Amino acid sequence: MAKSLETVYLKDGQVDVAHYHDLALQKQKEHAKFLATLKKKKPKHLDQLVQKVHNEVFEQIDCTKCANCCKSLGPLFTEADIERIAKAMRMKLGKFEETYLRVDEDGDKVFNCMPCPFLGEDNLCSIYALRPKACREFPHTDRKKIYQINHLTIKNTLYCPAAYLFVEKLRQELG
């Protein structure tokens, strides 16, 4: 694997999030241009390649050595998420929402503060099996028709080292 695609860790074993954020900032225009070409001229095997690259990246990245998404990006909560988590926590819906959520400027229910209140010091999620749909799907690098979410993919490279590595590896694979 090319040196630029090796995972960079800090001395404490955590993924160097700042390093990847800086790289993603530097490559925003390049990445946007690359992803736009996928939208204009879709390779026939793109969905299969996206899945392959996603799997390779997540064999390389251990999310528990990062958890930047849980520390800085709040997920959108669906009503089903709220009901499922509140029920498991034996909380009334209203109490759960009052304790953990707020309505943002778009009218979406999100955490009232970050980092995620369910993130432990060990970077493990205390409600992992129940986590919101947005958390389960993040960083959305295994989606079919990935070119439909280019704006989201670019944004996610700023927060998620795996998303950054995904775009870089996909670029490498497609030449």
C-alpha atoms as a PDB file:
ATOM      1  CA  MET A   1       0.000   0.000   0.000  1.00  0.00           C
ATOM      2  CA  ALA A   2       1.276   3.487  -0.777  1.00  0.00           C
ATOM      3  CA  LYS A   3       2.854   5.344   2.134  1.00  0.00           C
ATOM      4  CA  SER A   4       0.270   8.119   1.953  1.00  0.00           C
ATOM      5  CA  LEU A   5      -2.438   5.575   2.733  1.00  0.00           C
ATOM      6  CA  GLU A   6      -0.855   4.173   5.883  1.00  0.00           C
ATOM      7  CA  THR A   7      -2.751   4.987   9.040  1.00  0.00           C
ATOM      8  CA  VAL A   8      -1.022   7.650  11.140  1.00  0.00           C
ATOM      9  CA  TYR A   9      -1.195   7.184  14.910  1.00  0.00           C
ATOM     10  CA  LEU A  10      -0.236   9.321  17.873  1.00  0.00           C
ATOM     11  CA  LYS A  11       2.142   8.043  20.568  1.00  0.00           C
ATOM     12  CA  ASP A  12      -0.815   6.937  22.705  1.00  0.00           C
ATOM     13  CA  GLY A  13      -2.056   4.657  19.917  1.00  0.00           C
ATOM     14  CA  GLN A  14      -4.928   6.905  18.855  1.00  0.00           C
ATOM     15  CA  VAL A  15      -5.477   7.826  15.190  1.00  0.00           C
ATOM     16  CA  ASP A  16      -3.986  11.271  14.487  1.00  0.00           C
ATOM     17  CA  VAL A  17      -7.241  13.036  13.628  1.00  0.00           C
ATOM     18  CA  ALA A  18      -5.573  16.445  13.223  1.00  0.00           C
ATOM     19  CA  HIS A  19      -3.199  15.009  10.611  1.00  0.00           C
ATOM     20  CA  TYR A  20      -6.084  13.677   8.523  1.00  0.00           C
ATOM     21  CA  HIS A  21      -8.101  16.870   8.978  1.00  0.00           C
ATOM     22  CA  ASP A  22      -5.177  18.890   7.621  1.00  0.00           C
ATOM     23  CA  LEU A  23      -4.731  16.512   4.668  1.00  0.00           C
ATOM     24  CA  ALA A  24      -8.460  16.643   3.912  1.00  0.00           C
ATOM     25  CA  LEU A  25      -8.429  20.448   3.990  1.00  0.00           C
ATOM     26  CA  GLN A  26      -5.507  20.488   1.561  1.00  0.00           C
ATOM     27  CA  LYS A  27      -7.244  18.074  -0.802  1.00  0.00           C
ATOM     28  CA  GLN A  28     -10.838  19.376  -0.687  1.00  0.00           C
ATOM     29  CA  LYS A  29     -10.739  20.694  -4.262  1.00  0.00           C
ATOM     30  CA  GLU A  30      -8.971  17.600  -5.620  1.00  0.00           C
ATOM     31  CA  HIS A  31     -11.424  15.287  -3.888  1.00  0.00           C
ATOM     32  CA  ALA A  32     -14.429  17.304  -5.046  1.00  0.00           C
ATOM     33  CA  LYS A  33     -13.168  17.237  -8.631  1.00  0.00           C
ATOM     34  CA  PHE A  34     -12.498  13.485  -8.470  1.00  0.00           C
ATOM     35  CA  LEU A  35     -15.925  12.689  -7.010  1.00  0.00           C
ATOM     36  CA  ALA A  36     -17.603  14.960  -9.574  1.00  0.00           C
ATOM     37  CA  THR A  37     -16.008  12.889 -12.361  1.00  0.00           C
ATOM     38  CA  LEU A  38     -17.613   9.774 -10.850  1.00  0.00           C
ATOM     39  CA  LYS A  39     -20.980  11.473 -11.091  1.00  0.00           C
ATOM     40  CA  LYS A  40     -20.442  12.479 -14.733  1.00  0.00           C
ATOM     41  CA  LYS A  41     -18.947   9.203 -15.924  1.00  0.00           C
ATOM     42  CA  LYS A  42     -19.785   6.321 -13.628  1.00  0.00           C
ATOM     43  CA  PRO A  43     -17.520   3.290 -13.960  1.00  0.00           C
ATOM     44  CA  LYS A  44     -19.649   0.163 -14.503  1.00  0.00           C
ATOM     45  CA  HIS A  45     -18.142  -1.578 -11.489  1.00  0.00           C
ATOM     46  CA  LEU A  46     -18.257   1.449  -9.157  1.00  0.00           C
ATOM     47  CA  ASP A  47     -20.591  -0.020  -6.518  1.00  0.00           C
ATOM     48  CA  GLN A  48     -18.451  -3.163  -6.206  1.00  0.00           C
ATOM     49  CA  LEU A  49     -15.248  -1.123  -6.083  1.00  0.00           C
ATOM     50  CA  VAL A  50     -16.705   1.199  -3.437  1.00  0.00           C
ATOM     51  CA  GLN A  51     -17.578  -1.810  -1.261  1.00  0.00           C
ATOM     52  CA  LYS A  52     -14.102  -3.315  -1.751  1.00  0.00           C
ATOM     53  CA  VAL A  53     -12.330  -0.053  -0.888  1.00  0.00           C
ATOM     54  CA  HIS A  54     -14.625   0.540   2.105  1.00  0.00           C
ATOM     55  CA  ASN A  55     -13.831  -2.938   3.453  1.00  0.00           C
ATOM     56  CA  GLU A  56     -10.078  -2.469   2.930  1.00  0.00           C
ATOM     57  CA  VAL A  57     -10.086   0.889   4.706  1.00  0.00           C
ATOM     58  CA  PHE A  58     -12.017  -0.462   7.672  1.00  0.00           C
ATOM     59  CA  GLU A  59      -9.629  -3.404   7.941  1.00  0.00           C
ATOM     60  CA  GLN A  60      -6.935  -0.743   8.353  1.00  0.00           C
ATOM     61  CA  ILE A  61      -8.755   1.749  10.616  1.00  0.00           C
ATOM     62  CA  ASP A  62      -9.935   0.870  14.110  1.00  0.00           C
ATOM     63  CA  CYS A  63     -12.717   3.339  14.897  1.00  0.00           C
ATOM     64  CA  THR A  64     -12.154   2.874  18.627  1.00  0.00           C
ATOM     65  CA  LYS A  65      -8.705   4.429  18.153  1.00  0.00           C
ATOM     66  CA  CYS A  66     -10.375   7.574  16.825  1.00  0.00           C
ATOM     67  CA  ALA A  67     -14.073   8.105  17.638  1.00  0.00           C
ATOM     68  CA  ASN A  68     -13.818  11.627  16.233  1.00  0.00           C
ATOM     69  CA  CYS A  69     -17.325  11.326  14.809  1.00  0.00           C
ATOM     70  CA  CYS A  70     -18.643  10.653  18.325  1.00  0.00           C
ATOM     71  CA  LYS A  71     -16.611  13.513  19.734  1.00  0.00           C
ATOM     72  CA  SER A  72     -17.471  16.179  17.173  1.00  0.00           C
ATOM     73  CA  LEU A  73     -20.405  15.235  14.911  1.00  0.00           C
ATOM     74  CA  GLY A  74     -23.819  14.764  16.392  1.00  0.00           C
ATOM     75  CA  PRO A  75     -26.085  12.321  14.595  1.00  0.00           C
ATOM     76  CA  LEU A  76     -29.580  13.148  13.456  1.00  0.00           C
ATOM     77  CA  PHE A  77     -32.103  11.153  15.498  1.00  0.00           C
ATOM     78  CA  THR A  78     -35.120   9.616  13.797  1.00  0.00           C
ATOM     79  CA  GLU A  79     -38.281   8.997  15.809  1.00  0.00           C
ATOM     80  CA  ALA A  80     -37.512   5.276  15.585  1.00  0.00           C
ATOM     81  CA  ASP A  81     -34.031   5.913  17.068  1.00  0.00           C
ATOM     82  CA  ILE A  82     -35.499   7.908  19.945  1.00  0.00           C
ATOM     83  CA  GLU A  83     -38.173   5.320  20.707  1.00  0.00           C
ATOM     84  CA  ARG A  84     -35.717   2.401  20.551  1.00  0.00           C
ATOM     85  CA  ILE A  85     -33.068   4.013  22.762  1.00  0.00           C
ATOM     86  CA  ALA A  86     -35.519   5.512  25.281  1.00  0.00           C
ATOM     87  CA  LYS A  87     -37.308   2.162  25.651  1.00  0.00           C
ATOM     88  CA  ALA A  88     -34.022   0.319  26.226  1.00  0.00           C
ATOM     89  CA  MET A  89     -33.001   2.943  28.795  1.00  0.00           C
ATOM     90  CA  ARG A  90     -36.455   2.702  30.417  1.00  0.00           C
ATOM     91  CA  MET A  91     -37.020   6.412  29.903  1.00  0.00           C
ATOM     92  CA  LYS A  92     -40.136   8.179  28.754  1.00  0.00           C
ATOM     93  CA  LEU A  93     -39.699   9.705  25.287  1.00  0.00           C
ATOM     94  CA  GLY A  94     -40.104  13.233  26.602  1.00  0.00           C
ATOM     95  CA  LYS A  95     -37.523  12.699  29.352  1.00  0.00           C
ATOM     96  CA  PHE A  96     -35.031  11.184  26.888  1.00  0.00           C
ATOM     97  CA  GLU A  97     -35.448  14.120  24.520  1.00  0.00           C
ATOM     98  CA  GLU A  98     -35.245  16.661  27.349  1.00  0.00           C
ATOM     99  CA  THR A  99     -32.090  15.017  28.731  1.00  0.00           C
ATOM    100  CA  TYR A 100     -30.156  14.368  25.532  1.00  0.00           C
ATOM    101  CA  LEU A 101     -31.602  16.179  22.528  1.00  0.00           C
ATOM    102  CA  ARG A 102     -32.352  19.575  21.045  1.00  0.00           C
ATOM    103  CA  VAL A 103     -33.902  20.702  17.779  1.00  0.00           C
ATOM    104  CA  ASP A 104     -31.326  22.279  15.450  1.00  0.00           C
ATOM    105  CA  GLU A 105     -31.725  25.068  12.905  1.00  0.00           C
ATOM    106  CA  ASP A 106     -32.977  22.558  10.304  1.00  0.00           C
ATOM    107  CA  GLY A 107     -35.649  21.202  12.632  1.00  0.00           C
ATOM    108  CA  ASP A 108     -33.734  17.959  13.220  1.00  0.00           C
ATOM    109  CA  LYS A 109     -33.308  16.312  16.614  1.00  0.00           C
ATOM    110  CA  VAL A 110     -29.627  16.134  17.563  1.00  0.00           C
ATOM    111  CA  PHE A 111     -27.583  15.849  20.759  1.00  0.00           C
ATOM    112  CA  ASN A 112     -27.789  18.915  22.960  1.00  0.00           C
ATOM    113  CA  CYS A 113     -24.013  18.756  23.512  1.00  0.00           C
ATOM    114  CA  MET A 114     -20.950  16.948  22.255  1.00  0.00           C
ATOM    115  CA  PRO A 115     -19.125  14.655  22.662  1.00  0.00           C
ATOM    116  CA  CYS A 116     -21.788  11.991  22.520  1.00  0.00           C
ATOM    117  CA  PRO A 117     -23.042  11.316  26.056  1.00  0.00           C
ATOM    118  CA  PHE A 118     -22.906   7.579  25.328  1.00  0.00           C
ATOM    119  CA  LEU A 119     -19.201   7.595  24.375  1.00  0.00           C
ATOM    120  CA  GLY A 120     -16.990   6.088  27.051  1.00  0.00           C
ATOM    121  CA  GLU A 121     -13.431   7.116  27.881  1.00  0.00           C
ATOM    122  CA  ASP A 122     -12.344   3.969  26.050  1.00  0.00           C
ATOM    123  CA  ASN A 123     -13.996   5.317  22.850  1.00  0.00           C
ATOM    124  CA  LEU A 124     -16.649   2.602  23.043  1.00  0.00           C
ATOM    125  CA  CYS A 125     -20.346   3.331  22.653  1.00  0.00           C
ATOM    126  CA  SER A 126     -22.464   2.309  25.632  1.00  0.00           C
ATOM    127  CA  ILE A 127     -25.526   1.938  23.370  1.00  0.00           C
ATOM    128  CA  TYR A 128     -23.723   0.442  20.364  1.00  0.00           C
ATOM    129  CA  ALA A 129     -26.406  -2.141  19.537  1.00  0.00           C
ATOM    130  CA  LEU A 130     -29.080   0.573  19.763  1.00  0.00           C
ATOM    131  CA  ARG A 131     -27.155   3.472  18.203  1.00  0.00           C
ATOM    132  CA  PRO A 132     -28.957   5.845  15.837  1.00  0.00           C
ATOM    133  CA  LYS A 133     -29.202   4.995  12.150  1.00  0.00           C
ATOM    134  CA  ALA A 134     -26.903   7.931  11.323  1.00  0.00           C
ATOM    135  CA  CYS A 135     -24.198   6.409  13.541  1.00  0.00           C
ATOM    136  CA  ARG A 136     -24.614   2.934  12.028  1.00  0.00           C
ATOM    137  CA  GLU A 137     -24.213   4.292   8.498  1.00  0.00           C
ATOM    138  CA  PHE A 138     -21.393   6.797   9.116  1.00  0.00           C
ATOM    139  CA  PRO A 139     -19.207   7.651   7.176  1.00  0.00           C
ATOM    140  CA  HIS A 140     -21.460   6.395   4.356  1.00  0.00           C
ATOM    141  CA  THR A 141     -18.536   5.037   2.319  1.00  0.00           C
ATOM    142  CA  ASP A 142     -20.235   1.713   1.610  1.00  0.00           C
ATOM    143  CA  ARG A 143     -23.274   3.152  -0.147  1.00  0.00           C
ATOM    144  CA  LYS A 144     -24.367   2.226  -3.614  1.00  0.00           C
ATOM    145  CA  LYS A 145     -24.316   5.194  -5.993  1.00  0.00           C
ATOM    146  CA  ILE A 146     -21.730   6.962  -3.822  1.00  0.00           C
ATOM    147  CA  TYR A 147     -21.642   9.809  -6.350  1.00  0.00           C
ATOM    148  CA  GLN A 148     -25.082  10.885  -5.092  1.00  0.00           C
ATOM    149  CA  ILE A 149     -23.589  11.997  -1.773  1.00  0.00           C
ATOM    150  CA  ASN A 150     -20.393  13.709  -2.939  1.00  0.00           C
ATOM    151  CA  HIS A 151     -20.990  16.742  -0.716  1.00  0.00           C
ATOM    152  CA  LEU A 152     -21.366  14.502   2.337  1.00  0.00           C
ATOM    153  CA  THR A 153     -18.314  12.416   1.463  1.00  0.00           C
ATOM    154  CA  ILE A 154     -16.178  15.564   1.140  1.00  0.00           C
ATOM    155  CA  LYS A 155     -17.490  16.888   4.465  1.00  0.00           C
ATOM    156  CA  ASN A 156     -16.844  13.569   6.194  1.00  0.00           C
ATOM    157  CA  THR A 157     -13.183  13.516   5.093  1.00  0.00           C
ATOM    158  CA  LEU A 158     -12.654  16.504   7.409  1.00  0.00           C
ATOM    159  CA  TYR A 159     -13.808  14.528  10.468  1.00  0.00           C
ATOM    160  CA  CYS A 160     -13.184  10.889   9.647  1.00  0.00           C
ATOM    161  CA  PRO A 161      -9.737   9.538   8.773  1.00  0.00           C
ATOM    162  CA  ALA A 162     -11.413   6.477   7.228  1.00  0.00           C
ATOM    163  CA  ALA A 163     -13.458   8.685   4.880  1.00  0.00           C
ATOM    164  CA  TYR A 164     -10.281  10.503   3.840  1.00  0.00           C
ATOM    165  CA  LEU A 165      -8.453   7.217   3.225  1.00  0.00           C
ATOM    166  CA  PHE A 166     -11.486   5.900   1.357  1.00  0.00           C
ATOM    167  CA  VAL A 167     -11.442   8.783  -1.154  1.00  0.00           C
ATOM    168  CA  GLU A 168      -7.670   8.537  -1.555  1.00  0.00           C
ATOM    169  CA  LYS A 169      -7.773   4.766  -2.115  1.00  0.00           C
ATOM    170  CA  LEU A 170     -10.709   5.053  -4.518  1.00  0.00           C
ATOM    171  CA  ARG A 171      -8.743   7.653  -6.504  1.00  0.00           C
ATOM    172  CA  GLN A 172      -5.764   5.293  -6.544  1.00  0.00           C
ATOM    173  CA  GLU A 173      -7.906   2.347  -7.697  1.00  0.00           C
ATOM    174  CA  LEU A 174      -9.515   4.323 -10.510  1.00  0.00           C
ATOM    175  CA  GLY A 175      -6.230   5.870 -11.643  1.00  0.00           C
END
